[in-house]
């Protein structure tokens, strides 16, 4: 029985983890709005979610020849999805590609969708609990 419940919530768990990781990227963009040469980053949520659900997010570790070597990512990814750089509509003189209006809109949209997912999971959990009790 617990296996079916796990399957029921696995999609939502994956989506919430991905939304939280995306929120961190967007917050980083906003925090670095005045940093010269900072490049705004984001992920394509739909393809990232599909990849995460299919298990495409497994990265191969780098081979090190000494214990003192640091592990590094083979390319920056979020749950297996490649991090992409935004192309600004209006480039700035200092090379920064953060456009605050875009970042705020994406941040608010992602936060709203995160909250909606949490509420959906909460209601679904209440339904499962009621089914188990009744």
N, C-alpha and C. Protein backbone atom coordinates (compact mmCIF):
# COMPACT_ATOMS: atom_id res chain seq x y z
N UNK A 1 0.81 -1.19 0.00
CA UNK A 1 0.00 0.00 0.00
C UNK A 1 0.86 1.26 0.00
N UNK A 2 1.95 1.24 0.79
CA UNK A 2 2.79 2.44 0.86
C UNK A 2 3.49 2.70 -0.47
N UNK A 3 3.71 1.66 -1.26
CA UNK A 3 4.31 1.84 -2.59
C UNK A 3 3.42 2.66 -3.51
N UNK A 4 2.12 2.41 -3.44
CA UNK A 4 1.17 3.17 -4.27
C UNK A 4 1.08 4.61 -3.82
N UNK A 5 1.16 4.83 -2.51
CA UNK A 5 1.12 6.19 -1.99
C UNK A 5 2.39 6.93 -2.41
N UNK A 6 3.52 6.25 -2.35
CA UNK A 6 4.78 6.85 -2.81
C UNK A 6 4.70 7.24 -4.27
N UNK A 7 4.15 6.36 -5.10
CA UNK A 7 3.99 6.66 -6.52
C UNK A 7 3.09 7.86 -6.74
N UNK A 8 2.06 7.96 -5.92
CA UNK A 8 1.10 9.05 -6.04
C UNK A 8 1.77 10.40 -5.81
N UNK A 9 2.69 10.46 -4.87
CA UNK A 9 3.32 11.73 -4.53
C UNK A 9 4.69 11.95 -5.17
N UNK A 10 5.24 10.98 -5.85
CA UNK A 10 6.59 11.11 -6.42
C UNK A 10 6.68 12.25 -7.43
N UNK A 11 5.69 12.36 -8.31
CA UNK A 11 5.69 13.43 -9.30
C UNK A 11 5.74 14.79 -8.61
N UNK A 12 4.90 14.97 -7.60
CA UNK A 12 4.83 16.26 -6.92
C UNK A 12 6.10 16.55 -6.13
N UNK A 13 6.70 15.53 -5.56
CA UNK A 13 7.96 15.71 -4.84
C UNK A 13 9.04 16.18 -5.80
N UNK A 14 9.11 15.55 -6.96
CA UNK A 14 10.10 15.93 -7.96
C UNK A 14 9.86 17.36 -8.44
N UNK A 15 8.60 17.70 -8.71
CA UNK A 15 8.26 19.04 -9.18
C UNK A 15 8.61 20.09 -8.12
N UNK A 16 8.31 19.82 -6.85
CA UNK A 16 8.63 20.77 -5.79
C UNK A 16 10.13 20.95 -5.63
N UNK A 17 10.89 19.87 -5.69
CA UNK A 17 12.34 19.97 -5.59
C UNK A 17 12.90 20.81 -6.74
N UNK A 18 12.38 20.61 -7.93
CA UNK A 18 12.83 21.36 -9.09
C UNK A 18 12.43 22.83 -8.98
N UNK A 19 11.24 23.09 -8.53
CA UNK A 19 10.78 24.49 -8.34
C UNK A 19 11.64 25.20 -7.28
N UNK A 20 11.98 24.50 -6.20
CA UNK A 20 12.83 25.09 -5.17
C UNK A 20 14.22 25.41 -5.72
N UNK A 21 14.77 24.52 -6.51
CA UNK A 21 16.08 24.76 -7.12
C UNK A 21 16.02 25.93 -8.09
N UNK A 22 14.93 26.03 -8.85
CA UNK A 22 14.78 27.14 -9.79
C UNK A 22 14.63 28.45 -9.02
N UNK A 23 13.94 28.42 -7.90
CA UNK A 23 13.77 29.62 -7.09
C UNK A 23 15.12 30.13 -6.61
N UNK A 24 16.02 29.21 -6.27
CA UNK A 24 17.37 29.61 -5.84
C UNK A 24 18.11 30.29 -6.99
N UNK A 25 17.98 29.76 -8.19
CA UNK A 25 18.63 30.39 -9.35
C UNK A 25 18.09 31.80 -9.57
N UNK A 26 16.78 31.95 -9.52
CA UNK A 26 16.16 33.25 -9.74
C UNK A 26 16.55 34.23 -8.64
N UNK A 27 16.61 33.77 -7.40
CA UNK A 27 17.03 34.63 -6.29
C UNK A 27 18.48 35.06 -6.48
N UNK A 28 19.30 34.16 -6.97
CA UNK A 28 20.70 34.50 -7.25
C UNK A 28 20.80 35.58 -8.32
N UNK A 29 19.96 35.48 -9.34
CA UNK A 29 19.94 36.50 -10.39
C UNK A 29 19.59 37.86 -9.79
N UNK A 30 18.56 37.90 -8.95
CA UNK A 30 18.12 39.16 -8.36
C UNK A 30 19.21 39.72 -7.44
N UNK A 31 19.85 38.85 -6.67
CA UNK A 31 20.89 39.30 -5.75
C UNK A 31 22.10 39.87 -6.49
N UNK A 32 22.33 39.41 -7.71
CA UNK A 32 23.49 39.86 -8.48
C UNK A 32 23.13 40.86 -9.56
N UNK A 33 22.04 41.56 -9.39
CA UNK A 33 21.59 42.51 -10.41
C UNK A 33 22.59 43.63 -10.67
N UNK A 34 23.41 43.96 -9.68
CA UNK A 34 24.38 45.05 -9.83
C UNK A 34 25.81 44.54 -9.98
N UNK A 35 26.01 43.25 -10.13
CA UNK A 35 27.34 42.68 -10.27
C UNK A 35 27.78 42.76 -11.73
N UNK A 36 28.89 43.45 -12.01
CA UNK A 36 29.35 43.55 -13.40
C UNK A 36 29.65 42.17 -14.00
N UNK A 37 29.26 41.99 -15.23
CA UNK A 37 29.49 40.76 -16.02
C UNK A 37 28.76 39.53 -15.49
N UNK A 38 27.81 39.71 -14.58
CA UNK A 38 27.03 38.56 -14.10
C UNK A 38 26.03 38.19 -15.19
N UNK A 39 25.91 36.91 -15.46
CA UNK A 39 24.99 36.41 -16.48
C UNK A 39 23.79 35.75 -15.80
N UNK A 40 22.59 36.25 -16.11
CA UNK A 40 21.36 35.70 -15.54
C UNK A 40 21.17 34.27 -16.01
N UNK A 41 20.77 33.39 -15.09
CA UNK A 41 20.61 31.97 -15.39
C UNK A 41 19.22 31.50 -15.05
N UNK A 42 18.79 30.44 -15.73
CA UNK A 42 17.48 29.83 -15.48
C UNK A 42 17.50 28.43 -16.08
N UNK A 43 16.43 27.68 -15.85
CA UNK A 43 16.28 26.36 -16.46
C UNK A 43 14.95 26.32 -17.19
N UNK A 44 14.84 25.41 -18.13
CA UNK A 44 13.57 25.15 -18.79
C UNK A 44 12.85 24.13 -17.92
N UNK A 45 11.85 24.60 -17.16
CA UNK A 45 11.21 23.76 -16.14
C UNK A 45 10.57 22.52 -16.75
N UNK A 46 9.89 22.67 -17.87
CA UNK A 46 9.17 21.53 -18.47
C UNK A 46 10.12 20.41 -18.86
N UNK A 47 11.19 20.75 -19.57
CA UNK A 47 12.13 19.71 -19.99
C UNK A 47 12.90 19.17 -18.79
N UNK A 48 13.17 20.03 -17.79
CA UNK A 48 13.85 19.56 -16.59
C UNK A 48 13.00 18.56 -15.82
N UNK A 49 11.70 18.84 -15.73
CA UNK A 49 10.80 17.92 -15.03
C UNK A 49 10.69 16.59 -15.77
N UNK A 50 10.58 16.65 -17.08
CA UNK A 50 10.52 15.41 -17.86
C UNK A 50 11.80 14.60 -17.68
N UNK A 51 12.94 15.28 -17.72
CA UNK A 51 14.21 14.58 -17.53
C UNK A 51 14.34 13.98 -16.14
N UNK A 52 13.90 14.72 -15.13
CA UNK A 52 13.99 14.23 -13.75
C UNK A 52 13.08 13.02 -13.55
N UNK A 53 11.91 13.04 -14.15
CA UNK A 53 10.97 11.92 -13.99
C UNK A 53 11.44 10.68 -14.75
N UNK A 54 12.16 10.89 -15.85
CA UNK A 54 12.66 9.76 -16.63
C UNK A 54 13.99 9.25 -16.10
N UNK A 55 14.55 9.97 -15.13
CA UNK A 55 15.82 9.53 -14.55
C UNK A 55 17.02 9.94 -15.36
N UNK A 56 16.87 10.95 -16.22
CA UNK A 56 18.00 11.40 -17.03
C UNK A 56 18.97 12.27 -16.25
N UNK A 57 18.67 12.56 -15.00
CA UNK A 57 19.46 13.50 -14.23
C UNK A 57 20.70 12.92 -13.58
N UNK A 58 21.05 11.69 -13.88
CA UNK A 58 22.24 11.11 -13.27
C UNK A 58 23.48 11.60 -13.99
N UNK A 59 24.37 12.20 -13.24
CA UNK A 59 25.61 12.71 -13.82
C UNK A 59 26.75 11.76 -13.47
N UNK A 60 27.66 11.60 -14.37
CA UNK A 60 28.83 10.76 -14.12
C UNK A 60 29.85 11.55 -13.33
N UNK A 61 30.44 10.95 -12.30
CA UNK A 61 31.44 11.68 -11.52
C UNK A 61 32.74 11.81 -12.32
N UNK A 62 33.49 12.88 -12.04
CA UNK A 62 34.78 13.05 -12.69
C UNK A 62 35.81 12.13 -12.05
N UNK A 63 36.71 11.62 -12.84
CA UNK A 63 37.77 10.76 -12.34
C UNK A 63 38.89 11.63 -11.79
N UNK A 64 39.31 11.37 -10.57
CA UNK A 64 40.42 12.12 -9.98
C UNK A 64 41.59 11.18 -9.78
N UNK A 65 42.78 11.74 -9.86
CA UNK A 65 43.98 10.92 -9.71
C UNK A 65 44.61 11.05 -8.33
N UNK A 66 44.11 11.98 -7.51
CA UNK A 66 44.64 12.16 -6.16
C UNK A 66 43.49 12.48 -5.22
N UNK A 67 43.65 12.10 -3.96
CA UNK A 67 42.60 12.32 -2.98
C UNK A 67 42.36 13.80 -2.71
N UNK A 68 43.34 14.65 -2.97
CA UNK A 68 43.22 16.09 -2.70
C UNK A 68 42.48 16.83 -3.81
N UNK A 69 42.21 16.16 -4.93
CA UNK A 69 41.51 16.82 -6.02
C UNK A 69 40.06 17.11 -5.62
N UNK A 70 39.58 18.25 -6.03
CA UNK A 70 38.20 18.63 -5.74
C UNK A 70 37.28 18.05 -6.80
N UNK A 71 36.10 17.65 -6.38
CA UNK A 71 35.09 17.18 -7.32
C UNK A 71 34.43 18.40 -7.95
N UNK A 72 34.27 18.37 -9.25
CA UNK A 72 33.60 19.47 -9.94
C UNK A 72 32.54 18.88 -10.84
N UNK A 73 31.53 19.68 -11.10
CA UNK A 73 30.47 19.24 -11.99
C UNK A 73 30.97 19.29 -13.42
N UNK A 74 30.50 18.39 -14.25
CA UNK A 74 30.89 18.36 -15.65
C UNK A 74 30.20 19.46 -16.45
N UNK A 75 29.41 20.23 -15.87
CA UNK A 75 28.63 21.32 -16.45
C UNK A 75 27.53 21.61 -15.46
N UNK A 76 27.19 22.85 -15.29
CA UNK A 76 26.22 23.17 -14.25
C UNK A 76 24.84 22.68 -14.64
N UNK A 77 24.25 21.91 -13.73
CA UNK A 77 22.92 21.37 -13.95
C UNK A 77 22.10 21.51 -12.68
N UNK A 78 20.79 21.49 -12.83
CA UNK A 78 19.85 21.45 -11.72
C UNK A 78 19.02 20.21 -11.91
N UNK A 79 19.23 19.22 -11.06
CA UNK A 79 18.53 17.93 -11.15
C UNK A 79 18.65 17.36 -12.56
N UNK A 80 19.82 17.50 -13.16
CA UNK A 80 20.06 16.95 -14.49
C UNK A 80 19.72 17.88 -15.63
N UNK A 81 19.04 18.99 -15.37
CA UNK A 81 18.68 19.94 -16.43
C UNK A 81 19.79 20.97 -16.58
N UNK A 82 20.22 21.23 -17.79
CA UNK A 82 21.29 22.22 -17.98
C UNK A 82 20.81 23.62 -17.62
N UNK A 83 21.67 24.34 -16.93
CA UNK A 83 21.38 25.74 -16.60
C UNK A 83 21.67 26.56 -17.85
N UNK A 84 20.71 27.39 -18.22
CA UNK A 84 20.84 28.21 -19.43
C UNK A 84 21.01 29.67 -19.04
N UNK A 85 21.64 30.42 -19.93
CA UNK A 85 21.82 31.85 -19.71
C UNK A 85 20.74 32.61 -20.46
N UNK A 86 20.20 33.64 -19.81
CA UNK A 86 19.18 34.47 -20.46
C UNK A 86 19.83 35.40 -21.47
N UNK A 87 19.12 35.65 -22.55
CA UNK A 87 19.56 36.65 -23.52
C UNK A 87 18.77 37.92 -23.19
N UNK A 88 19.48 38.99 -22.83
CA UNK A 88 18.78 40.21 -22.41
C UNK A 88 18.12 40.92 -23.59
N UNK A 89 16.99 41.55 -23.32
CA UNK A 89 16.31 42.36 -24.34
C UNK A 89 17.06 43.67 -24.55
N UNK A 90 17.68 44.17 -23.48
CA UNK A 90 18.43 45.41 -23.56
C UNK A 90 19.75 45.21 -22.81
N UNK A 91 20.85 44.98 -23.54
CA UNK A 91 22.14 44.74 -22.88
C UNK A 91 22.60 45.95 -22.06
N UNK A 92 23.31 45.68 -20.97
CA UNK A 92 23.82 46.76 -20.14
C UNK A 92 25.29 47.02 -20.47
N UNK A 93 25.76 48.19 -20.08
CA UNK A 93 27.14 48.59 -20.38
C UNK A 93 28.16 47.77 -19.60
N UNK A 94 27.78 47.27 -18.41
CA UNK A 94 28.74 46.53 -17.59
C UNK A 94 28.72 45.03 -17.85
N UNK A 95 27.94 44.57 -18.82
CA UNK A 95 27.92 43.15 -19.17
C UNK A 95 26.96 42.31 -18.35
N UNK A 96 26.24 42.92 -17.42
CA UNK A 96 25.28 42.20 -16.59
C UNK A 96 24.01 41.97 -17.42
N UNK A 97 23.50 40.74 -17.41
CA UNK A 97 22.31 40.41 -18.21
C UNK A 97 21.04 40.27 -17.38
N UNK A 98 21.09 40.65 -16.10
CA UNK A 98 19.91 40.56 -15.24
C UNK A 98 18.97 41.72 -15.57
N UNK A 99 17.74 41.38 -15.91
CA UNK A 99 16.70 42.38 -16.11
C UNK A 99 15.69 42.19 -14.98
N UNK A 100 15.65 43.14 -14.08
CA UNK A 100 14.88 42.98 -12.85
C UNK A 100 13.40 42.71 -13.09
N UNK A 101 12.80 43.34 -14.08
CA UNK A 101 11.38 43.08 -14.34
C UNK A 101 11.15 41.62 -14.71
N UNK A 102 12.01 41.09 -15.56
CA UNK A 102 11.90 39.69 -15.97
C UNK A 102 12.13 38.76 -14.78
N UNK A 103 13.16 39.06 -14.00
CA UNK A 103 13.49 38.19 -12.86
C UNK A 103 12.38 38.21 -11.81
N UNK A 104 11.85 39.38 -11.52
CA UNK A 104 10.76 39.47 -10.54
C UNK A 104 9.53 38.70 -11.01
N UNK A 105 9.21 38.84 -12.29
CA UNK A 105 8.05 38.13 -12.84
C UNK A 105 8.26 36.62 -12.77
N UNK A 106 9.44 36.15 -13.15
CA UNK A 106 9.73 34.71 -13.10
C UNK A 106 9.74 34.21 -11.66
N UNK A 107 10.29 35.01 -10.76
CA UNK A 107 10.35 34.64 -9.34
C UNK A 107 8.93 34.50 -8.77
N UNK A 108 8.09 35.49 -9.05
CA UNK A 108 6.71 35.46 -8.54
C UNK A 108 5.93 34.31 -9.14
N UNK A 109 6.09 34.07 -10.44
CA UNK A 109 5.39 32.98 -11.11
C UNK A 109 5.81 31.63 -10.52
N UNK A 110 7.11 31.44 -10.33
CA UNK A 110 7.62 30.18 -9.78
C UNK A 110 7.14 30.00 -8.34
N UNK A 111 7.14 31.07 -7.55
CA UNK A 111 6.67 30.99 -6.16
C UNK A 111 5.19 30.63 -6.11
N UNK A 112 4.41 31.23 -6.99
CA UNK A 112 2.97 30.93 -7.03
C UNK A 112 2.72 29.47 -7.41
N UNK A 113 3.45 28.98 -8.38
CA UNK A 113 3.30 27.58 -8.80
C UNK A 113 3.78 26.62 -7.71
N UNK A 114 4.81 27.00 -6.98
CA UNK A 114 5.28 26.19 -5.86
C UNK A 114 4.18 26.09 -4.80
N UNK A 115 3.61 27.24 -4.44
CA UNK A 115 2.54 27.28 -3.44
C UNK A 115 1.34 26.46 -3.90
N UNK A 116 0.98 26.55 -5.17
CA UNK A 116 -0.15 25.77 -5.69
C UNK A 116 0.13 24.28 -5.58
N UNK A 117 1.36 23.88 -5.86
CA UNK A 117 1.72 22.46 -5.74
C UNK A 117 1.64 21.99 -4.29
N UNK A 118 2.10 22.83 -3.38
CA UNK A 118 2.04 22.47 -1.96
C UNK A 118 0.60 22.30 -1.51
N UNK A 119 -0.27 23.20 -1.93
CA UNK A 119 -1.69 23.10 -1.56
C UNK A 119 -2.33 21.86 -2.17
N UNK A 120 -1.97 21.56 -3.41
CA UNK A 120 -2.52 20.38 -4.07
C UNK A 120 -2.09 19.12 -3.32
N UNK A 121 -0.82 19.05 -2.96
CA UNK A 121 -0.32 17.89 -2.22
C UNK A 121 -1.01 17.78 -0.87
N UNK A 122 -1.21 18.90 -0.22
CA UNK A 122 -1.87 18.90 1.08
C UNK A 122 -3.29 18.35 0.96
N UNK A 123 -4.02 18.81 -0.02
CA UNK A 123 -5.39 18.31 -0.22
C UNK A 123 -5.38 16.84 -0.60
N UNK A 124 -4.44 16.46 -1.42
CA UNK A 124 -4.35 15.05 -1.83
C UNK A 124 -4.03 14.17 -0.63
N UNK A 125 -3.15 14.68 0.24
CA UNK A 125 -2.79 13.95 1.45
C UNK A 125 -3.99 13.77 2.37
N UNK A 126 -4.82 14.80 2.47
CA UNK A 126 -6.04 14.70 3.27
C UNK A 126 -6.99 13.65 2.69
N UNK A 127 -7.08 13.59 1.36
CA UNK A 127 -7.93 12.60 0.71
C UNK A 127 -7.44 11.18 0.99
N UNK A 128 -6.13 10.98 0.90
CA UNK A 128 -5.55 9.65 1.17
C UNK A 128 -5.78 9.27 2.63
N UNK A 129 -5.58 10.22 3.53
CA UNK A 129 -5.78 9.95 4.95
C UNK A 129 -7.25 9.60 5.23
N UNK A 130 -8.16 10.33 4.61
CA UNK A 130 -9.57 10.04 4.81
C UNK A 130 -9.93 8.66 4.28
N UNK A 131 -9.34 8.27 3.15
CA UNK A 131 -9.59 6.95 2.57
C UNK A 131 -9.05 5.85 3.48
N UNK A 132 -7.91 6.08 4.09
CA UNK A 132 -7.32 5.09 4.98
C UNK A 132 -8.10 4.96 6.29
N UNK A 133 -8.64 6.07 6.75
CA UNK A 133 -9.38 6.05 8.01
C UNK A 133 -10.82 5.55 7.83
N UNK A 134 -11.37 5.78 6.64
CA UNK A 134 -12.79 5.45 6.44
C UNK A 134 -12.93 4.18 5.72
